[in-house]
Amino acid sequence: MTTTDIEKAEPEGTGGEEAGTDIVPAAGGAVFTPARTALLEPDDDPQAEALRTRLLLPLLLPIMSAVAIAFYAINLSRALLAGGSTTALVIASVLTLSVLGGAAWISSQPNLSTGALAVLLVALLGLIGAAGLTTIGAAQGDHGGGEEAAGGYTPPKGPPDTSFEVDALPTLKFNLQDFPTTAGINEIVYVGKGGTHTLVFAESEFRGFKLAVNGEETDRGKVELEPGTYTIYCDVPGHRAAGMEATVTVGNAVSQ
């Protein structure tokens, strides 16, 4: 092939350069310049760039992510605990739909800047934090009987007239199917024999009374019982259905 053939093989107007490598000015004479992303673009100072990319970012990003996740989980759990079963379900449903909708909207916005994403994340964490702070008092509660039980239950004043013991067995049973006692102020001594268990009354007048044991712990609380029959059970999910339920039969103290 001659020199003339090589010259003819080159595209016209390229001057020997590859096609498509020229920068073509936009309309009006302006030249498009890619936007500089501060987080990803190299720094002018190589030493500062190495410090940021090899030390600061790998160290700070996992720590900041863990703190954000812990903050989110703690405050969300406070809001769910304070709301009760129905309200907690509503909160969880709304939050799940909001997260899914927000993720779908973000994916449909490819040009959304990093700053806008950061603002959305901070706003979400701020909303969850505000919900957790406003419900912190309602989310706390003493699940033991003792001097003050959970849910606003007020134990009777004065010493107990009698007491009886209830054992929480690891077989998801109480030690008896019926606990006889006498009318008056009763102290219930709840003794754990293995596992995590609670003791609550099915009757509405004792709503909020709750004893709880874990392992071989012992909890106790006072209730004032009139003659009749009451139902106690463990409200840990699945335990009552497995048979952790019994009756308390209260007789007249005078007749005994």
C-alpha atoms as a PDB file:
ATOM      1  CA  MET A   1       0.000   0.000   0.000  1.00  0.00           C
ATOM      2  CA  THR A   2       1.413   3.435  -0.989  1.00  0.00           C
ATOM      3  CA  THR A   3       1.427   6.635   0.982  1.00  0.00           C
ATOM      4  CA  THR A   4      -1.312   7.985  -1.219  1.00  0.00           C
ATOM      5  CA  ASP A   5      -3.519   4.995  -0.376  1.00  0.00           C
ATOM      6  CA  ILE A   6      -3.008   5.530   3.363  1.00  0.00           C
ATOM      7  CA  GLU A   7      -3.943   9.214   3.049  1.00  0.00           C
ATOM      8  CA  LYS A   8      -7.105   8.276   1.199  1.00  0.00           C
ATOM      9  CA  ALA A   9      -8.038   5.733   3.876  1.00  0.00           C
ATOM     10  CA  GLU A  10      -8.059   8.364   6.594  1.00  0.00           C
ATOM     11  CA  PRO A  11     -11.444  10.088   7.201  1.00  0.00           C
ATOM     12  CA  GLU A  12     -11.659  13.597   5.937  1.00  0.00           C
ATOM     13  CA  GLY A  13     -11.293  16.340   8.478  1.00  0.00           C
ATOM     14  CA  THR A  14      -9.794  14.114  11.179  1.00  0.00           C
ATOM     15  CA  GLY A  15      -6.230  15.011  10.573  1.00  0.00           C
ATOM     16  CA  GLY A  16      -5.185  11.458  11.563  1.00  0.00           C
ATOM     17  CA  GLU A  17      -7.106  11.577  14.861  1.00  0.00           C
ATOM     18  CA  GLU A  18      -9.764   9.087  15.889  1.00  0.00           C
ATOM     19  CA  ALA A  19     -13.322  10.029  15.079  1.00  0.00           C
ATOM     20  CA  GLY A  20     -15.490  11.155  17.921  1.00  0.00           C
ATOM     21  CA  THR A  21     -12.703  12.474  20.142  1.00  0.00           C
ATOM     22  CA  ASP A  22     -13.233  16.153  19.405  1.00  0.00           C
ATOM     23  CA  ILE A  23     -15.106  18.253  21.986  1.00  0.00           C
ATOM     24  CA  VAL A  24     -18.022  19.855  20.203  1.00  0.00           C
ATOM     25  CA  PRO A  25     -19.236  23.100  21.764  1.00  0.00           C
ATOM     26  CA  ALA A  26     -22.892  23.203  22.656  1.00  0.00           C
ATOM     27  CA  ALA A  27     -25.310  25.734  21.252  1.00  0.00           C
ATOM     28  CA  GLY A  28     -24.253  29.252  22.089  1.00  0.00           C
ATOM     29  CA  GLY A  29     -20.575  28.354  22.254  1.00  0.00           C
ATOM     30  CA  ALA A  30     -20.696  26.834  25.789  1.00  0.00           C
ATOM     31  CA  VAL A  31     -18.650  23.689  26.375  1.00  0.00           C
ATOM     32  CA  PHE A  32     -20.228  20.946  28.502  1.00  0.00           C
ATOM     33  CA  THR A  33     -18.187  20.225  31.593  1.00  0.00           C
ATOM     34  CA  PRO A  34     -19.044  17.184  33.778  1.00  0.00           C
ATOM     35  CA  ALA A  35     -20.232  18.077  37.280  1.00  0.00           C
ATOM     36  CA  ARG A  36     -17.655  17.567  39.985  1.00  0.00           C
ATOM     37  CA  THR A  37     -18.751  15.296  42.826  1.00  0.00           C
ATOM     38  CA  ALA A  38     -16.894  16.298  45.942  1.00  0.00           C
ATOM     39  CA  LEU A  39     -17.085  12.877  47.521  1.00  0.00           C
ATOM     40  CA  LEU A  40     -15.761  10.919  44.552  1.00  0.00           C
ATOM     41  CA  GLU A  41     -13.515  13.254  42.595  1.00  0.00           C
ATOM     42  CA  PRO A  42      -9.809  13.140  43.439  1.00  0.00           C
ATOM     43  CA  ASP A  43      -8.443  15.935  45.547  1.00  0.00           C
ATOM     44  CA  ASP A  44      -5.801  18.311  44.204  1.00  0.00           C
ATOM     45  CA  ASP A  45      -3.544  17.285  47.083  1.00  0.00           C
ATOM     46  CA  PRO A  46      -2.559  13.593  46.633  1.00  0.00           C
ATOM     47  CA  GLN A  47      -1.684  13.222  50.305  1.00  0.00           C
ATOM     48  CA  ALA A  48      -5.020  14.616  51.465  1.00  0.00           C
ATOM     49  CA  GLU A  49      -6.804  12.434  48.905  1.00  0.00           C
ATOM     50  CA  ALA A  50      -5.064   9.308  50.207  1.00  0.00           C
ATOM     51  CA  LEU A  51      -5.918  10.232  53.812  1.00  0.00           C
ATOM     52  CA  ARG A  52      -9.576  10.700  52.945  1.00  0.00           C
ATOM     53  CA  THR A  53     -10.124   7.651  50.738  1.00  0.00           C
ATOM     54  CA  ARG A  54      -7.918   5.166  52.589  1.00  0.00           C
ATOM     55  CA  LEU A  55      -8.512   6.182  56.208  1.00  0.00           C
ATOM     56  CA  LEU A  56     -11.417   8.536  56.869  1.00  0.00           C
ATOM     57  CA  LEU A  57     -14.080   7.100  54.559  1.00  0.00           C
ATOM     58  CA  PRO A  58     -13.468   3.393  55.354  1.00  0.00           C
ATOM     59  CA  LEU A  59     -13.448   4.229  59.080  1.00  0.00           C
ATOM     60  CA  LEU A  60     -16.303   6.724  59.340  1.00  0.00           C
ATOM     61  CA  LEU A  61     -18.863   5.213  56.959  1.00  0.00           C
ATOM     62  CA  PRO A  62     -19.396   1.932  58.911  1.00  0.00           C
ATOM     63  CA  ILE A  63     -19.492   3.806  62.232  1.00  0.00           C
ATOM     64  CA  MET A  64     -22.002   6.364  60.959  1.00  0.00           C
ATOM     65  CA  SER A  65     -24.143   3.608  59.416  1.00  0.00           C
ATOM     66  CA  ALA A  66     -24.182   1.615  62.683  1.00  0.00           C
ATOM     67  CA  VAL A  67     -25.110   4.707  64.712  1.00  0.00           C
ATOM     68  CA  ALA A  68     -27.915   5.601  62.299  1.00  0.00           C
ATOM     69  CA  ILE A  69     -29.322   2.052  62.355  1.00  0.00           C
ATOM     70  CA  ALA A  70     -29.183   1.887  66.174  1.00  0.00           C
ATOM     71  CA  PHE A  71     -30.853   5.304  66.482  1.00  0.00           C
ATOM     72  CA  TYR A  72     -33.580   4.223  64.058  1.00  0.00           C
ATOM     73  CA  ALA A  73     -34.226   0.871  65.757  1.00  0.00           C
ATOM     74  CA  ILE A  74     -34.285   2.221  69.333  1.00  0.00           C
ATOM     75  CA  ASN A  75     -36.635   5.103  68.664  1.00  0.00           C
ATOM     76  CA  LEU A  76     -38.916   3.069  66.403  1.00  0.00           C
ATOM     77  CA  SER A  77     -39.214   0.358  69.053  1.00  0.00           C
ATOM     78  CA  ARG A  78     -40.178   3.002  71.622  1.00  0.00           C
ATOM     79  CA  ALA A  79     -42.963   4.245  69.395  1.00  0.00           C
ATOM     80  CA  LEU A  80     -44.210   0.707  68.736  1.00  0.00           C
ATOM     81  CA  LEU A  81     -44.165  -0.248  72.423  1.00  0.00           C
ATOM     82  CA  ALA A  82     -46.018   2.889  73.449  1.00  0.00           C
ATOM     83  CA  GLY A  83     -48.731   2.448  70.842  1.00  0.00           C
ATOM     84  CA  GLY A  84     -50.130  -0.930  71.841  1.00  0.00           C
ATOM     85  CA  SER A  85     -50.865  -3.765  69.438  1.00  0.00           C
ATOM     86  CA  THR A  86     -53.272  -1.938  67.090  1.00  0.00           C
ATOM     87  CA  THR A  87     -51.377   1.335  66.933  1.00  0.00           C
ATOM     88  CA  ALA A  88     -48.081  -0.517  66.523  1.00  0.00           C
ATOM     89  CA  LEU A  89     -49.513  -2.364  63.524  1.00  0.00           C
ATOM     90  CA  VAL A  90     -50.676   0.919  61.979  1.00  0.00           C
ATOM     91  CA  ILE A  91     -47.279   2.565  62.570  1.00  0.00           C
ATOM     92  CA  ALA A  92     -45.400  -0.406  61.104  1.00  0.00           C
ATOM     93  CA  SER A  93     -47.692  -0.520  58.049  1.00  0.00           C
ATOM     94  CA  VAL A  94     -47.420   3.219  57.355  1.00  0.00           C
ATOM     95  CA  LEU A  95     -43.649   3.144  57.805  1.00  0.00           C
ATOM     96  CA  THR A  96     -43.250   0.127  55.509  1.00  0.00           C
ATOM     97  CA  LEU A  97     -45.358   1.731  52.778  1.00  0.00           C
ATOM     98  CA  SER A  98     -43.459   5.011  53.164  1.00  0.00           C
ATOM     99  CA  VAL A  99     -40.077   3.290  52.847  1.00  0.00           C
ATOM    100  CA  LEU A 100     -41.169   1.294  49.795  1.00  0.00           C
ATOM    101  CA  GLY A 101     -42.741   4.359  48.173  1.00  0.00           C
ATOM    102  CA  GLY A 102     -39.689   6.479  48.920  1.00  0.00           C
ATOM    103  CA  ALA A 103     -37.356   3.860  47.468  1.00  0.00           C
ATOM    104  CA  ALA A 104     -39.469   3.637  44.309  1.00  0.00           C
ATOM    105  CA  TRP A 105     -39.490   7.423  43.944  1.00  0.00           C
ATOM    106  CA  ILE A 106     -35.715   7.672  44.459  1.00  0.00           C
ATOM    107  CA  SER A 107     -35.089   4.977  41.839  1.00  0.00           C
ATOM    108  CA  SER A 108     -37.207   6.973  39.371  1.00  0.00           C
ATOM    109  CA  GLN A 109     -35.055  10.064  39.903  1.00  0.00           C
ATOM    110  CA  PRO A 110     -31.630   9.208  38.422  1.00  0.00           C
ATOM    111  CA  ASN A 111     -30.492  12.836  38.571  1.00  0.00           C
ATOM    112  CA  LEU A 112     -31.193  13.212  42.293  1.00  0.00           C
ATOM    113  CA  SER A 113     -28.150  14.700  43.956  1.00  0.00           C
ATOM    114  CA  THR A 114     -26.284  13.232  46.906  1.00  0.00           C
ATOM    115  CA  GLY A 115     -27.196  16.284  48.973  1.00  0.00           C
ATOM    116  CA  ALA A 116     -30.910  15.717  48.404  1.00  0.00           C
ATOM    117  CA  LEU A 117     -30.583  12.070  49.462  1.00  0.00           C
ATOM    118  CA  ALA A 118     -28.758  13.141  52.608  1.00  0.00           C
ATOM    119  CA  VAL A 119     -31.536  15.612  53.435  1.00  0.00           C
ATOM    120  CA  LEU A 120     -34.180  12.892  52.996  1.00  0.00           C
ATOM    121  CA  LEU A 121     -32.254  10.524  55.255  1.00  0.00           C
ATOM    122  CA  VAL A 122     -31.794  13.160  57.955  1.00  0.00           C
ATOM    123  CA  ALA A 123     -35.497  14.030  57.762  1.00  0.00           C
ATOM    124  CA  LEU A 124     -36.479  10.361  58.202  1.00  0.00           C
ATOM    125  CA  LEU A 125     -34.154   9.903  61.181  1.00  0.00           C
ATOM    126  CA  GLY A 126     -35.407  13.161  62.695  1.00  0.00           C
ATOM    127  CA  LEU A 127     -39.026  12.027  62.384  1.00  0.00           C
ATOM    128  CA  ILE A 128     -38.274   8.654  63.988  1.00  0.00           C
ATOM    129  CA  GLY A 129     -36.234  10.344  66.722  1.00  0.00           C
ATOM    130  CA  ALA A 130     -39.057  12.767  67.517  1.00  0.00           C
ATOM    131  CA  ALA A 131     -41.532   9.875  67.741  1.00  0.00           C
ATOM    132  CA  GLY A 132     -39.199   7.986  70.072  1.00  0.00           C
ATOM    133  CA  LEU A 133     -38.619  10.980  72.343  1.00  0.00           C
ATOM    134  CA  THR A 134     -42.305  11.847  72.661  1.00  0.00           C
ATOM    135  CA  THR A 135     -43.240   8.265  73.585  1.00  0.00           C
ATOM    136  CA  ILE A 136     -40.293   7.421  75.837  1.00  0.00           C
ATOM    137  CA  GLY A 137     -42.364   7.664  78.995  1.00  0.00           C
ATOM    138  CA  ALA A 138     -45.213   5.527  77.699  1.00  0.00           C
ATOM    139  CA  ALA A 139     -42.841   2.901  76.345  1.00  0.00           C
ATOM    140  CA  GLN A 140     -41.241   2.316  79.726  1.00  0.00           C
ATOM    141  CA  GLY A 141     -42.903   0.140  82.276  1.00  0.00           C
ATOM    142  CA  ASP A 142     -42.171  -2.093  85.206  1.00  0.00           C
ATOM    143  CA  HIS A 143     -43.332  -5.590  84.312  1.00  0.00           C
ATOM    144  CA  GLY A 144     -42.951  -6.871  87.833  1.00  0.00           C
ATOM    145  CA  GLY A 145     -45.654  -6.791  90.461  1.00  0.00           C
ATOM    146  CA  GLY A 146     -43.749  -5.445  93.486  1.00  0.00           C
ATOM    147  CA  GLU A 147     -44.838  -2.050  94.728  1.00  0.00           C
ATOM    148  CA  GLU A 148     -45.948  -0.839  91.311  1.00  0.00           C
ATOM    149  CA  ALA A 149     -47.018  -2.978  88.407  1.00  0.00           C
ATOM    150  CA  ALA A 150     -47.090  -2.136  84.714  1.00  0.00           C
ATOM    151  CA  GLY A 151     -49.983  -0.560  82.832  1.00  0.00           C
ATOM    152  CA  GLY A 152     -51.052   1.722  85.694  1.00  0.00           C
ATOM    153  CA  TYR A 153     -52.184  -1.083  88.021  1.00  0.00           C
ATOM    154  CA  THR A 154     -52.181   0.042  91.666  1.00  0.00           C
ATOM    155  CA  PRO A 155     -51.573  -2.760  94.168  1.00  0.00           C
ATOM    156  CA  PRO A 156     -53.609  -2.734  97.384  1.00  0.00           C
ATOM    157  CA  LYS A 157     -52.050  -1.028 100.380  1.00  0.00           C
ATOM    158  CA  GLY A 158     -51.205  -2.816 103.566  1.00  0.00           C
ATOM    159  CA  PRO A 159     -49.736  -6.222 104.355  1.00  0.00           C
ATOM    160  CA  PRO A 160     -51.171  -9.288 102.622  1.00  0.00           C
ATOM    161  CA  ASP A 161     -53.778 -11.383 104.404  1.00  0.00           C
ATOM    162  CA  THR A 162     -52.504 -14.549 102.764  1.00  0.00           C
ATOM    163  CA  SER A 163     -50.195 -15.676  99.994  1.00  0.00           C
ATOM    164  CA  PHE A 164     -49.809 -18.555  97.575  1.00  0.00           C
ATOM    165  CA  GLU A 165     -47.042 -19.707  95.265  1.00  0.00           C
ATOM    166  CA  VAL A 166     -47.269 -20.290  91.532  1.00  0.00           C
ATOM    167  CA  ASP A 167     -44.430 -22.138  89.806  1.00  0.00           C
ATOM    168  CA  ALA A 168     -43.709 -21.537  86.111  1.00  0.00           C
ATOM    169  CA  LEU A 169     -42.462 -24.839  84.770  1.00  0.00           C
ATOM    170  CA  PRO A 170     -40.236 -25.201  81.672  1.00  0.00           C
ATOM    171  CA  THR A 171     -42.874 -27.559  80.234  1.00  0.00           C
ATOM    172  CA  LEU A 172     -45.148 -24.516  79.700  1.00  0.00           C
ATOM    173  CA  LYS A 173     -47.387 -25.436  82.621  1.00  0.00           C
ATOM    174  CA  PHE A 174     -48.110 -24.087  86.066  1.00  0.00           C
ATOM    175  CA  ASN A 175     -47.490 -26.435  88.980  1.00  0.00           C
ATOM    176  CA  LEU A 176     -51.266 -26.635  89.644  1.00  0.00           C
ATOM    177  CA  GLN A 177     -54.408 -26.304  87.574  1.00  0.00           C
ATOM    178  CA  ASP A 178     -56.247 -24.621  90.433  1.00  0.00           C
ATOM    179  CA  PHE A 179     -54.831 -22.490  93.240  1.00  0.00           C
ATOM    180  CA  PRO A 180     -57.082 -22.260  96.324  1.00  0.00           C
ATOM    181  CA  THR A 181     -56.852 -19.166  98.497  1.00  0.00           C
ATOM    182  CA  THR A 182     -58.971 -16.968 100.746  1.00  0.00           C
ATOM    183  CA  ALA A 183     -60.573 -13.593 100.144  1.00  0.00           C
ATOM    184  CA  GLY A 184     -58.632 -10.462 100.944  1.00  0.00           C
ATOM    185  CA  ILE A 185     -55.222  -9.120  99.980  1.00  0.00           C
ATOM    186  CA  ASN A 186     -53.282 -11.969  98.401  1.00  0.00           C
ATOM    187  CA  GLU A 187     -49.587 -11.933  97.653  1.00  0.00           C
ATOM    188  CA  ILE A 188     -48.742 -14.082  94.642  1.00  0.00           C
ATOM    189  CA  VAL A 189     -45.214 -15.462  94.701  1.00  0.00           C
ATOM    190  CA  TYR A 190     -44.232 -16.334  91.143  1.00  0.00           C
ATOM    191  CA  VAL A 191     -41.278 -18.736  90.995  1.00  0.00           C
ATOM    192  CA  GLY A 192     -39.481 -19.489  87.744  1.00  0.00           C
ATOM    193  CA  LYS A 193     -38.330 -23.041  87.120  1.00  0.00           C
ATOM    194  CA  GLY A 194     -36.822 -22.406  83.712  1.00  0.00           C
ATOM    195  CA  GLY A 195     -37.542 -20.212  80.701  1.00  0.00           C
ATOM    196  CA  THR A 196     -39.183 -16.805  80.394  1.00  0.00           C
ATOM    197  CA  HIS A 197     -42.756 -16.592  81.668  1.00  0.00           C
ATOM    198  CA  THR A 198     -45.328 -14.077  82.857  1.00  0.00           C
ATOM    199  CA  LEU A 199     -48.421 -14.192  85.039  1.00  0.00           C
ATOM    200  CA  VAL A 200     -51.455 -12.047  84.271  1.00  0.00           C
ATOM    201  CA  PHE A 201     -55.171 -12.186  85.067  1.00  0.00           C
ATOM    202  CA  ALA A 202     -57.821 -12.608  82.394  1.00  0.00           C
ATOM    203  CA  GLU A 203     -60.247 -10.452  84.411  1.00  0.00           C
ATOM    204  CA  SER A 204     -60.406  -6.792  83.394  1.00  0.00           C
ATOM    205  CA  GLU A 205     -60.260  -5.470  86.964  1.00  0.00           C
ATOM    206  CA  PHE A 206     -56.658  -6.686  87.176  1.00  0.00           C
ATOM    207  CA  ARG A 207     -55.594  -5.239  83.852  1.00  0.00           C
ATOM    208  CA  GLY A 208     -51.985  -4.104  84.183  1.00  0.00           C
ATOM    209  CA  PHE A 209     -51.029  -6.560  86.904  1.00  0.00           C
ATOM    210  CA  LYS A 210     -48.120  -8.604  85.620  1.00  0.00           C
ATOM    211  CA  LEU A 211     -45.412 -10.776  87.115  1.00  0.00           C
ATOM    212  CA  ALA A 212     -42.433 -11.900  85.066  1.00  0.00           C
ATOM    213  CA  VAL A 213     -39.620 -14.383  85.629  1.00  0.00           C
ATOM    214  CA  ASN A 214     -36.639 -15.473  83.595  1.00  0.00           C
ATOM    215  CA  GLY A 215     -34.867 -18.680  84.482  1.00  0.00           C
ATOM    216  CA  GLU A 216     -35.005 -19.236  88.225  1.00  0.00           C
ATOM    217  CA  GLU A 217     -36.040 -15.738  89.214  1.00  0.00           C
ATOM    218  CA  THR A 218     -38.828 -14.947  91.655  1.00  0.00           C
ATOM    219  CA  ASP A 219     -41.346 -12.130  91.342  1.00  0.00           C
ATOM    220  CA  ARG A 220     -44.231 -11.202  93.625  1.00  0.00           C
ATOM    221  CA  GLY A 221     -47.198  -8.873  93.668  1.00  0.00           C
ATOM    222  CA  LYS A 222     -50.362  -8.140  95.634  1.00  0.00           C
ATOM    223  CA  VAL A 223     -53.973  -8.330  94.495  1.00  0.00           C
ATOM    224  CA  GLU A 224     -57.217  -8.011  96.428  1.00  0.00           C
ATOM    225  CA  LEU A 225     -59.511 -10.937  95.635  1.00  0.00           C
ATOM    226  CA  GLU A 226     -63.187 -11.367  96.332  1.00  0.00           C
ATOM    227  CA  PRO A 227     -64.742 -14.832  96.677  1.00  0.00           C
ATOM    228  CA  GLY A 228     -65.057 -16.454  93.282  1.00  0.00           C
ATOM    229  CA  THR A 229     -62.975 -17.950  90.498  1.00  0.00           C
ATOM    230  CA  TYR A 230     -60.302 -16.136  88.491  1.00  0.00           C
ATOM    231  CA  THR A 231     -58.139 -17.131  85.541  1.00  0.00           C
ATOM    232  CA  ILE A 232     -54.377 -16.624  85.387  1.00  0.00           C
ATOM    233  CA  TYR A 233     -52.157 -17.350  82.406  1.00  0.00           C
ATOM    234  CA  CYS A 234     -48.787 -16.607  80.788  1.00  0.00           C
ATOM    235  CA  ASP A 235     -49.076 -14.013  78.022  1.00  0.00           C
ATOM    236  CA  VAL A 236     -45.806 -14.916  76.297  1.00  0.00           C
ATOM    237  CA  PRO A 237     -46.905 -15.752  72.716  1.00  0.00           C
ATOM    238  CA  GLY A 238     -47.851 -19.413  72.431  1.00  0.00           C
ATOM    239  CA  HIS A 239     -47.556 -20.275  76.128  1.00  0.00           C
ATOM    240  CA  ARG A 240     -51.251 -20.008  77.015  1.00  0.00           C
ATOM    241  CA  ALA A 241     -52.233 -22.105  74.022  1.00  0.00           C
ATOM    242  CA  ALA A 242     -49.696 -24.712  75.139  1.00  0.00           C
ATOM    243  CA  GLY A 243     -51.476 -25.028  78.481  1.00  0.00           C
ATOM    244  CA  MET A 244     -49.949 -22.365  80.700  1.00  0.00           C
ATOM    245  CA  GLU A 245     -53.287 -21.393  82.235  1.00  0.00           C
ATOM    246  CA  ALA A 246     -54.903 -22.080  85.607  1.00  0.00           C
ATOM    247  CA  THR A 247     -57.681 -20.920  87.907  1.00  0.00           C
ATOM    248  CA  VAL A 248     -57.549 -19.214  91.286  1.00  0.00           C
ATOM    249  CA  THR A 249     -60.452 -20.260  93.499  1.00  0.00           C
ATOM    250  CA  VAL A 250     -61.121 -17.772  96.278  1.00  0.00           C
ATOM    251  CA  GLY A 251     -63.175 -18.878  99.246  1.00  0.00           C
ATOM    252  CA  ASN A 252     -64.591 -16.897 102.126  1.00  0.00           C
ATOM    253  CA  ALA A 253     -61.973 -16.427 104.818  1.00  0.00           C
ATOM    254  CA  VAL A 254     -64.552 -16.600 107.610  1.00  0.00           C
ATOM    255  CA  SER A 255     -65.894 -20.013 106.529  1.00  0.00           C
ATOM    256  CA  GLN A 256     -62.457 -21.556 106.375  1.00  0.00           C
END
